[in-house]
Amino acid sequence: MISVFAREPVFTLQKEIFAYQFIYRNGLNGSFPLDFANAQTSDEPQLGLTIDEIMQVNMTIVNLLPESLSEFSEVFTPKDVIIEISEINTRPSATMLAQISSLKKNGFSLVANQHQTDWPEFMALVDYLKLNIMDNTPSEIKQQKKLLTESNIKIIATNVHSKFQFDQCQQLDIDYVQGFFFLEKEKVNNNPLPANKLAFLQLMTEIAKPTLDIKQLESIFQKDPTLSFLLIKFINNPLVNKSHKISSIRHALNYLGEVMVRRFVAIISLAGLNSDQPSELLNLSLSRAKYCELVDAEITNESDAMSAFLVGLFSLIDIILSKPMNSLLVSLELDERIIQAIVEGKGDYWPILATVKSIESGDWSSLFSYSLELEVPKEQLFELHRQSVRWQNEMTQAISPHFPTTKVI
């Protein structure tokens, strides 16, 4: 049997990533495998994301089976993991409470689910409470908040998959929200882009052209020295470039080559465009870009695959800029195959983009169908997605010092 792992983001009300929920698709309600040691070292294929890769950047919420409590602290540390035990459905025994107390003494935090709130001895150990936004009215959530006032337990609203639900959580002053609300398209913003974003969009237009006009690229950077500074700092980050110290755009072209320069300009430009949006939009755009590039290279045996990279990179730009996707892509003068994949869901690149969306959402039947169409084994697609997320983590860490997170309220 193949083991498949995935993640779901948990946000603050400022839309900053607080943690990722680690989901074991084969487990009961996403619970982690019983035998941690064997799960980490067995010969069974571990597909999707490993917990080490998810914990590389953020705190991770891990749902345990009660039987796993005794070995948990031998595998993970409290600085990386928050414990959830959703499958405790009856009042916990004294032995189980002692195990949880021991984990708490070692510094671990605990998440409770709503059906567990009737056990005061258990709730006394809890740091966070999950409330399903679909199962509770605003008045019921207010009542829960009132009951938790003295305990200092924070609330995590789950299944928050729309902007309306997120706004509702803000109005109720819920502490954290879990879900994909940030992927819902907002009303189109007809206002012109501010000057700083327009410059980033112009850079995007240049790197998307079949032939890179280095003079035009340099001209855009010269108009705004900050852009040039950001790009050079980013390229010289050890996570991005371990070989040559780069001092200018032309220098970068000479040492890194056109494909790498296009990619770096694209990353820094998208980060600039996303500066007032949730960082997870940038994370997904980058991991999709790398994934599409890797899969296309697997199919065509080409090493650059820049067009495929742009398919993933631009796949969420309409949400990032609150503009119609078709007009944005046309204005960027993109290859028709890129527009076809993103806007129409057709063409050579569409099955590649569709597979990464399926992996993100856990739509395994669609993934397996597109896997057959691409003639790439699903195991290989999972591995390429793992590589793309690892690369995205590195790029995000390299970008973040230059684009401090903007509070989005």
Protein backbone atom coordinates (compact mmCIF):
# COMPACT_ATOMS: atom_id res chain seq x y z
CA MET A 1 0.00 0.00 0.00
CA ILE A 2 1.22 3.50 -0.86
CA SER A 3 1.32 6.11 1.92
CA VAL A 4 0.28 9.61 0.87
CA PHE A 5 0.86 12.74 2.94
CA ALA A 6 -0.51 16.24 2.35
CA ARG A 7 -0.91 19.51 4.26
CA GLU A 8 -3.52 22.17 4.92
CA PRO A 9 -2.57 25.70 6.04
CA VAL A 10 -3.62 27.27 9.35
CA PHE A 11 -3.61 31.09 9.39
CA THR A 12 -3.71 33.93 11.86
CA LEU A 13 -6.43 36.54 11.32
CA GLN A 14 -3.73 38.63 9.63
CA LYS A 15 -3.48 35.82 7.01
CA GLU A 16 0.00 34.81 8.08
CA ILE A 17 0.83 31.10 8.23
CA PHE A 18 0.65 29.86 11.82
CA ALA A 19 1.06 26.14 11.10
CA TYR A 20 0.31 23.36 8.65
CA GLN A 21 -2.03 20.50 9.43
CA PHE A 22 -0.18 17.33 8.47
CA ILE A 23 -2.62 14.87 6.88
CA TYR A 24 -1.94 11.19 6.40
CA ARG A 25 -4.39 10.28 3.65
CA ASN A 26 -4.46 6.58 4.56
CA GLY A 27 -5.04 7.28 8.25
CA LEU A 28 -8.26 7.54 10.24
CA ASN A 29 -9.29 11.22 9.92
CA GLY A 30 -5.79 11.99 8.66
CA SER A 31 -4.12 10.56 11.75
CA PHE A 32 -0.41 9.79 11.67
CA PRO A 33 0.84 6.17 11.29
CA LEU A 34 0.94 4.22 14.53
CA ASP A 35 4.57 3.13 14.15
CA PHE A 36 6.51 6.39 13.71
CA ALA A 37 9.91 4.78 13.36
CA ASN A 38 8.74 2.36 10.69
CA ALA A 39 6.81 5.12 8.92
CA GLN A 40 9.98 7.18 8.65
CA THR A 41 12.31 4.37 7.57
CA SER A 42 10.21 1.61 5.97
CA ASP A 43 10.50 0.50 2.36
CA GLU A 44 6.86 1.42 1.79
CA PRO A 45 6.67 4.37 -0.65
CA GLN A 46 6.17 7.61 1.27
CA LEU A 47 4.50 9.89 -1.25
CA GLY A 48 3.48 13.53 -1.14
CA LEU A 49 5.22 15.55 1.56
CA THR A 50 7.33 14.17 4.38
CA ILE A 51 6.73 15.66 7.80
CA ASP A 52 10.36 16.86 7.87
CA GLU A 53 9.70 18.93 4.73
CA ILE A 54 6.54 20.45 6.17
CA MET A 55 8.29 21.25 9.46
CA GLN A 56 11.19 22.84 7.59
CA VAL A 57 9.56 26.26 7.76
CA ASN A 58 6.48 26.16 10.00
CA MET A 59 4.92 24.59 13.04
CA THR A 60 3.02 21.39 12.20
CA ILE A 61 -0.19 20.00 13.72
CA VAL A 62 -0.03 16.20 13.82
CA ASN A 63 -3.15 14.14 14.49
CA LEU A 64 -2.23 11.08 16.55
CA LEU A 65 -4.01 7.88 17.34
CA PRO A 66 -4.21 7.40 21.14
CA GLU A 67 -2.02 4.29 20.83
CA SER A 68 0.81 6.46 19.47
CA LEU A 69 1.20 8.76 22.47
CA SER A 70 3.88 6.77 24.25
CA GLU A 71 6.44 6.95 21.41
CA PHE A 72 5.66 10.44 20.15
CA SER A 73 8.29 12.42 22.07
CA GLU A 74 11.00 10.03 20.86
CA VAL A 75 10.39 11.13 17.25
CA PHE A 76 9.43 14.83 17.38
CA THR A 77 10.25 17.94 19.39
CA PRO A 78 7.84 20.56 20.81
CA LYS A 79 9.38 23.38 18.79
CA ASP A 80 8.16 21.67 15.60
CA VAL A 81 4.88 19.95 16.45
CA ILE A 82 1.47 20.54 18.04
CA ILE A 83 -0.39 17.37 19.06
CA GLU A 84 -3.98 16.60 18.08
CA ILE A 85 -5.74 13.39 19.23
CA SER A 86 -9.11 13.59 17.47
CA GLU A 87 -9.84 9.88 17.85
CA ILE A 88 -10.31 10.04 21.61
CA ASN A 89 -14.09 9.57 21.55
CA THR A 90 -14.69 8.48 25.14
CA ARG A 91 -13.51 9.95 28.42
CA PRO A 92 -9.72 9.38 28.53
CA SER A 93 -8.34 6.93 31.06
CA ALA A 94 -5.97 7.88 33.85
CA THR A 95 -3.14 6.21 31.91
CA MET A 96 -3.85 8.28 28.80
CA LEU A 97 -4.08 11.50 30.81
CA ALA A 98 -0.73 10.68 32.40
CA GLN A 99 0.81 10.18 28.94
CA ILE A 100 -0.59 13.52 27.75
CA SER A 101 0.61 15.25 30.94
CA SER A 102 4.09 13.86 30.32
CA LEU A 103 4.08 15.29 26.79
CA LYS A 104 2.90 18.65 28.15
CA LYS A 105 5.74 18.66 30.70
CA ASN A 106 8.13 18.09 27.81
CA GLY A 107 6.83 21.25 26.16
CA PHE A 108 4.29 19.93 23.64
CA SER A 109 1.04 21.81 22.99
CA LEU A 110 -2.31 20.01 22.58
CA VAL A 111 -5.28 20.57 20.24
CA ALA A 112 -8.74 19.36 21.27
CA ASN A 113 -11.78 18.75 19.09
CA GLN A 114 -15.26 19.91 19.96
CA HIS A 115 -16.57 16.48 20.99
CA GLN A 116 -13.87 16.39 23.70
CA THR A 117 -14.90 19.56 25.55
CA ASP A 118 -17.05 17.71 28.11
CA TRP A 119 -14.00 16.23 29.85
CA PRO A 120 -12.61 18.87 32.23
CA GLU A 121 -9.57 16.77 33.20
CA PHE A 122 -8.63 16.55 29.49
CA MET A 123 -9.44 20.20 28.68
CA ALA A 124 -7.17 21.30 31.54
CA LEU A 125 -4.25 20.08 29.37
CA VAL A 126 -5.44 21.72 26.14
CA ASP A 127 -3.93 24.78 24.39
CA TYR A 128 -6.11 24.96 21.25
CA LEU A 129 -9.69 23.95 20.41
CA LYS A 130 -10.86 23.16 16.88
CA LEU A 131 -14.36 24.27 15.89
CA ASN A 132 -15.79 23.29 12.50
CA ILE A 133 -17.18 26.50 10.99
CA MET A 134 -19.79 24.41 9.15
CA ASP A 135 -21.16 22.84 12.33
CA ASN A 136 -21.42 25.95 14.54
CA THR A 137 -23.51 29.09 14.29
CA PRO A 138 -21.92 32.44 15.19
CA SER A 139 -23.80 32.45 18.48
CA GLU A 140 -22.53 28.95 19.33
CA ILE A 141 -18.96 30.03 18.60
CA LYS A 142 -19.40 33.10 20.80
CA GLN A 143 -20.63 30.84 23.58
CA GLN A 144 -17.57 28.60 23.20
CA LYS A 145 -15.28 31.64 23.34
CA LYS A 146 -17.00 32.79 26.51
CA LEU A 147 -16.51 29.36 28.12
CA LEU A 148 -12.81 29.42 27.21
CA THR A 149 -12.08 32.93 28.45
CA GLU A 150 -10.44 31.93 31.72
CA SER A 151 -8.59 28.90 30.33
CA ASN A 152 -6.59 30.85 27.70
CA ILE A 153 -7.39 28.16 25.12
CA LYS A 154 -7.10 29.46 21.55
CA ILE A 155 -9.72 28.58 18.92
CA ILE A 156 -8.86 27.16 15.48
CA ALA A 157 -11.80 27.38 13.06
CA THR A 158 -11.67 24.54 10.51
CA ASN A 159 -13.16 24.09 7.02
CA VAL A 160 -12.74 27.79 6.27
CA HIS A 161 -12.81 27.62 2.47
CA SER A 162 -14.47 30.91 1.47
CA LYS A 163 -13.82 34.61 2.02
CA PHE A 164 -17.24 34.91 3.62
CA GLN A 165 -16.31 32.30 6.21
CA PHE A 166 -12.97 33.99 6.87
CA ASP A 167 -14.67 37.37 7.33
CA GLN A 168 -17.05 35.69 9.74
CA CYS A 169 -14.09 34.36 11.73
CA GLN A 170 -12.59 37.87 11.85
CA GLN A 171 -15.85 39.33 13.14
CA LEU A 172 -15.96 36.65 15.83
CA ASP A 173 -12.28 37.33 16.68
CA ILE A 174 -11.36 33.65 16.32
CA ASP A 175 -7.65 33.09 16.89
CA TYR A 176 -6.75 30.89 13.90
CA VAL A 177 -8.41 29.60 10.73
CA GLN A 178 -7.67 26.41 8.81
CA GLY A 179 -8.59 26.05 5.14
CA PHE A 180 -8.21 27.28 1.56
CA PHE A 181 -10.32 30.46 1.72
CA PHE A 182 -7.47 32.44 0.13
CA LEU A 183 -7.95 30.59 -3.18
CA GLU A 184 -11.46 32.00 -3.68
CA LYS A 185 -11.57 34.71 -6.33
CA GLU A 186 -12.60 38.11 -5.06
CA LYS A 187 -14.55 40.76 -6.93
CA VAL A 188 -12.52 42.17 -9.82
CA ASN A 189 -10.59 45.30 -8.83
CA ASN A 190 -10.84 47.83 -11.70
CA ASN A 191 -8.40 50.28 -10.12
CA PRO A 192 -5.04 50.65 -11.92
CA LEU A 193 -2.09 48.88 -10.35
CA PRO A 194 0.13 51.07 -8.13
CA ALA A 195 3.48 52.08 -9.61
CA ASN A 196 5.55 49.55 -7.67
CA LYS A 197 3.36 46.64 -8.80
CA LEU A 198 3.29 47.93 -12.36
CA ALA A 199 7.09 47.70 -12.44
CA PHE A 200 6.95 44.08 -11.27
CA LEU A 201 4.33 43.32 -13.93
CA GLN A 202 6.55 44.90 -16.59
CA LEU A 203 9.38 42.62 -15.48
CA MET A 204 7.02 39.66 -15.78
CA THR A 205 6.18 40.73 -19.32
CA GLU A 206 9.85 40.90 -20.30
CA ILE A 207 10.84 37.50 -18.94
CA ALA A 208 7.80 35.87 -20.61
CA LYS A 209 8.90 36.96 -24.11
CA PRO A 210 10.45 34.28 -26.38
CA THR A 211 13.61 36.39 -26.74
CA LEU A 212 14.92 38.14 -23.66
CA ASP A 213 15.65 41.83 -24.32
CA ILE A 214 18.44 42.48 -21.85
CA LYS A 215 18.54 46.22 -22.60
CA GLN A 216 14.83 46.59 -21.87
CA LEU A 217 15.21 44.50 -18.72
CA GLU A 218 18.09 46.67 -17.52
CA SER A 219 16.07 49.80 -18.34
CA ILE A 220 13.24 48.69 -16.04
CA PHE A 221 15.69 48.00 -13.23
CA GLN A 222 17.46 51.33 -13.75
CA LYS A 223 14.18 53.22 -13.33
CA ASP A 224 13.80 51.73 -9.85
CA PRO A 225 17.15 50.96 -8.15
CA THR A 226 15.28 49.15 -5.38
CA LEU A 227 14.26 46.46 -7.87
CA SER A 228 17.85 45.88 -8.93
CA PHE A 229 18.98 45.74 -5.30
CA LEU A 230 16.27 43.18 -4.48
CA LEU A 231 17.16 40.97 -7.43
CA ILE A 232 20.92 40.99 -6.80
CA LYS A 233 20.44 40.33 -3.07
CA PHE A 234 18.09 37.49 -3.87
CA ILE A 235 20.40 35.92 -6.48
CA ASN A 236 23.36 36.12 -4.07
CA ASN A 237 21.50 34.33 -1.28
CA PRO A 238 23.32 31.01 -0.61
CA LEU A 239 19.98 29.17 -0.81
CA VAL A 240 19.64 30.34 -4.42
CA ASN A 241 23.17 30.63 -5.81
CA LYS A 242 26.18 28.94 -4.24
CA SER A 243 28.65 29.52 -7.07
CA HIS A 244 29.22 33.13 -8.19
CA LYS A 245 28.88 36.50 -6.48
CA ILE A 246 26.65 38.51 -8.84
CA SER A 247 26.95 42.30 -9.15
CA SER A 248 24.60 43.24 -12.05
CA ILE A 249 21.95 41.92 -14.43
CA ARG A 250 24.51 41.47 -17.20
CA HIS A 251 26.85 39.76 -14.75
CA ALA A 252 24.02 37.39 -13.82
CA LEU A 253 23.38 36.61 -17.49
CA ASN A 254 27.04 35.86 -18.14
CA TYR A 255 27.46 33.52 -15.18
CA LEU A 256 23.98 32.05 -14.61
CA GLY A 257 22.54 32.01 -18.13
CA GLU A 258 19.28 33.31 -19.54
CA VAL A 259 17.02 30.59 -18.16
CA MET A 260 18.17 31.11 -14.56
CA VAL A 261 17.91 34.90 -14.84
CA ARG A 262 14.37 34.61 -16.23
CA ARG A 263 13.45 32.37 -13.32
CA PHE A 264 14.95 34.64 -10.66
CA VAL A 265 13.32 37.76 -12.12
CA ALA A 266 10.00 35.92 -12.24
CA ILE A 267 10.25 34.85 -8.59
CA ILE A 268 11.20 38.28 -7.27
CA SER A 269 8.48 39.92 -9.41
CA LEU A 270 5.74 37.58 -8.20
CA ALA A 271 6.85 38.14 -4.60
CA GLY A 272 6.50 41.89 -5.18
CA LEU A 273 3.05 41.50 -6.71
CA ASN A 274 1.97 39.31 -3.78
CA SER A 275 3.33 41.62 -1.06
CA ASP A 276 -0.14 42.55 0.26
CA GLN A 277 -1.63 39.08 -0.07
CA PRO A 278 -1.33 35.89 2.04
CA SER A 279 2.15 34.40 1.65
CA GLU A 280 0.59 31.01 0.93
CA LEU A 281 -0.46 32.30 -2.50
CA LEU A 282 3.21 32.87 -3.30
CA ASN A 283 4.15 29.49 -1.81
CA LEU A 284 1.63 27.67 -3.99
CA SER A 285 2.58 29.64 -7.11
CA LEU A 286 6.26 28.80 -6.65
CA SER A 287 5.73 25.12 -5.89
CA ARG A 288 3.36 24.83 -8.87
CA ALA A 289 5.91 26.53 -11.13
CA LYS A 290 8.71 24.15 -10.17
CA TYR A 291 6.40 21.14 -10.35
CA CYS A 292 5.20 22.01 -13.87
CA GLU A 293 8.80 22.52 -14.95
CA LEU A 294 9.91 19.17 -13.49
CA VAL A 295 7.00 17.19 -14.97
CA ASP A 296 7.42 18.79 -18.39
CA ALA A 297 11.12 17.97 -18.32
CA GLU A 298 10.22 14.38 -17.40
CA ILE A 299 7.91 14.14 -20.42
CA THR A 300 9.97 16.03 -23.01
CA ASN A 301 13.49 15.38 -21.71
CA GLU A 302 14.18 19.12 -21.83
CA SER A 303 16.11 20.66 -18.95
CA ASP A 304 14.82 24.27 -18.99
CA ALA A 305 11.03 23.91 -19.49
CA MET A 306 10.52 27.67 -18.91
CA SER A 307 7.05 27.75 -20.48
CA ALA A 308 5.85 25.03 -18.14
CA PHE A 309 7.41 26.92 -15.21
CA LEU A 310 5.36 30.01 -16.18
CA VAL A 311 2.15 27.95 -16.32
CA GLY A 312 2.49 27.16 -12.62
CA LEU A 313 3.85 30.59 -11.70
CA PHE A 314 0.93 32.49 -13.26
CA SER A 315 -1.79 30.01 -12.26
CA LEU A 316 -2.93 32.15 -9.29
CA ILE A 317 -2.06 35.64 -10.56
CA ASP A 318 -5.73 36.58 -11.00
CA ILE A 319 -6.29 35.99 -7.27
CA ILE A 320 -3.06 37.80 -6.36
CA LEU A 321 -4.01 40.92 -8.36
CA SER A 322 -7.85 40.65 -8.27
CA LYS A 323 -7.90 41.02 -12.04
CA PRO A 324 -9.47 38.84 -14.79
CA MET A 325 -7.07 36.02 -15.66
CA ASN A 326 -7.50 36.21 -19.42
CA SER A 327 -6.75 39.94 -19.73
CA LEU A 328 -3.74 39.61 -17.39
CA LEU A 329 -2.18 36.79 -19.40
CA VAL A 330 -2.85 38.49 -22.73
CA SER A 331 -1.23 41.70 -21.44
CA LEU A 332 1.85 39.65 -20.51
CA GLU A 333 2.10 38.45 -24.12
CA LEU A 334 2.45 34.85 -23.00
CA ASP A 335 2.77 31.84 -25.26
CA GLU A 336 -0.71 30.75 -26.35
CA ARG A 337 -0.11 27.28 -24.86
CA ILE A 338 0.35 28.87 -21.40
CA ILE A 339 -2.88 30.87 -21.72
CA GLN A 340 -4.72 27.82 -23.01
CA ALA A 341 -3.69 25.71 -20.01
CA ILE A 342 -4.47 28.33 -17.35
CA VAL A 343 -7.62 29.92 -18.80
CA GLU A 344 -9.25 27.17 -20.86
CA GLY A 345 -8.00 24.03 -19.14
CA LYS A 346 -6.76 22.61 -22.44
CA GLY A 347 -3.58 21.87 -24.36
CA ASP A 348 -0.24 20.23 -23.61
CA TYR A 349 0.33 21.93 -20.26
CA TRP A 350 -3.15 21.51 -18.81
CA PRO A 351 -2.78 17.90 -17.58
CA ILE A 352 0.42 18.91 -15.77
CA LEU A 353 -1.28 21.83 -14.00
CA ALA A 354 -4.30 19.63 -13.27
CA THR A 355 -2.15 17.03 -11.51
CA VAL A 356 -0.61 19.53 -9.11
CA LYS A 357 -4.05 20.93 -8.28
CA SER A 358 -5.22 17.37 -7.62
CA ILE A 359 -2.30 16.71 -5.28
CA GLU A 360 -2.95 19.97 -3.37
CA SER A 361 -6.66 19.18 -2.91
CA GLY A 362 -6.29 15.44 -2.37
CA ASP A 363 -8.37 14.58 -5.45
CA TRP A 364 -6.66 11.25 -6.04
CA SER A 365 -9.06 9.90 -8.69
CA SER A 366 -8.40 12.93 -10.93
CA LEU A 367 -4.67 12.64 -10.26
CA PHE A 368 -4.58 9.00 -11.32
CA SER A 369 -6.59 9.80 -14.47
CA TYR A 370 -4.21 12.60 -15.53
CA SER A 371 -1.25 10.41 -14.61
CA LEU A 372 -2.37 7.92 -17.25
CA GLU A 373 -2.86 10.72 -19.77
CA LEU A 374 0.66 12.05 -19.15
CA GLU A 375 2.10 8.53 -19.08
CA VAL A 376 3.97 9.42 -15.90
CA PRO A 377 3.48 7.06 -12.92
CA LYS A 378 1.63 8.68 -10.01
CA GLU A 379 4.52 7.72 -7.73
CA GLN A 380 6.82 9.86 -9.87
CA LEU A 381 4.35 12.77 -9.80
CA PHE A 382 4.30 12.65 -6.00
CA GLU A 383 8.10 12.63 -5.90
CA LEU A 384 8.31 15.62 -8.26
CA HIS A 385 5.79 17.47 -6.09
CA ARG A 386 7.92 16.75 -3.04
CA GLN A 387 10.95 18.19 -4.84
CA SER A 388 8.98 21.27 -5.88
CA VAL A 389 7.86 22.00 -2.30
CA ARG A 390 11.42 21.57 -1.05
CA TRP A 391 12.57 24.07 -3.71
CA GLN A 392 9.70 26.43 -2.83
CA ASN A 393 10.73 26.34 0.84
CA GLU A 394 14.25 27.38 -0.14
CA MET A 395 13.03 30.18 -2.43
CA THR A 396 10.60 31.44 0.22
CA GLN A 397 13.36 31.62 2.80
CA ALA A 398 15.55 33.49 0.32
CA ILE A 399 12.78 35.96 -0.57
CA SER A 400 11.36 36.65 2.90
CA PRO A 401 14.10 39.02 4.17
CA HIS A 402 13.44 41.29 1.19
CA PHE A 403 9.62 41.14 1.32
CA PRO A 404 8.60 41.33 4.99
CA THR A 405 5.12 39.95 5.50
CA THR A 406 2.47 42.64 5.11
CA LYS A 407 -0.39 42.53 7.61
CA VAL A 408 -3.59 41.90 5.66
CA ILE A 409 -6.66 42.72 7.72
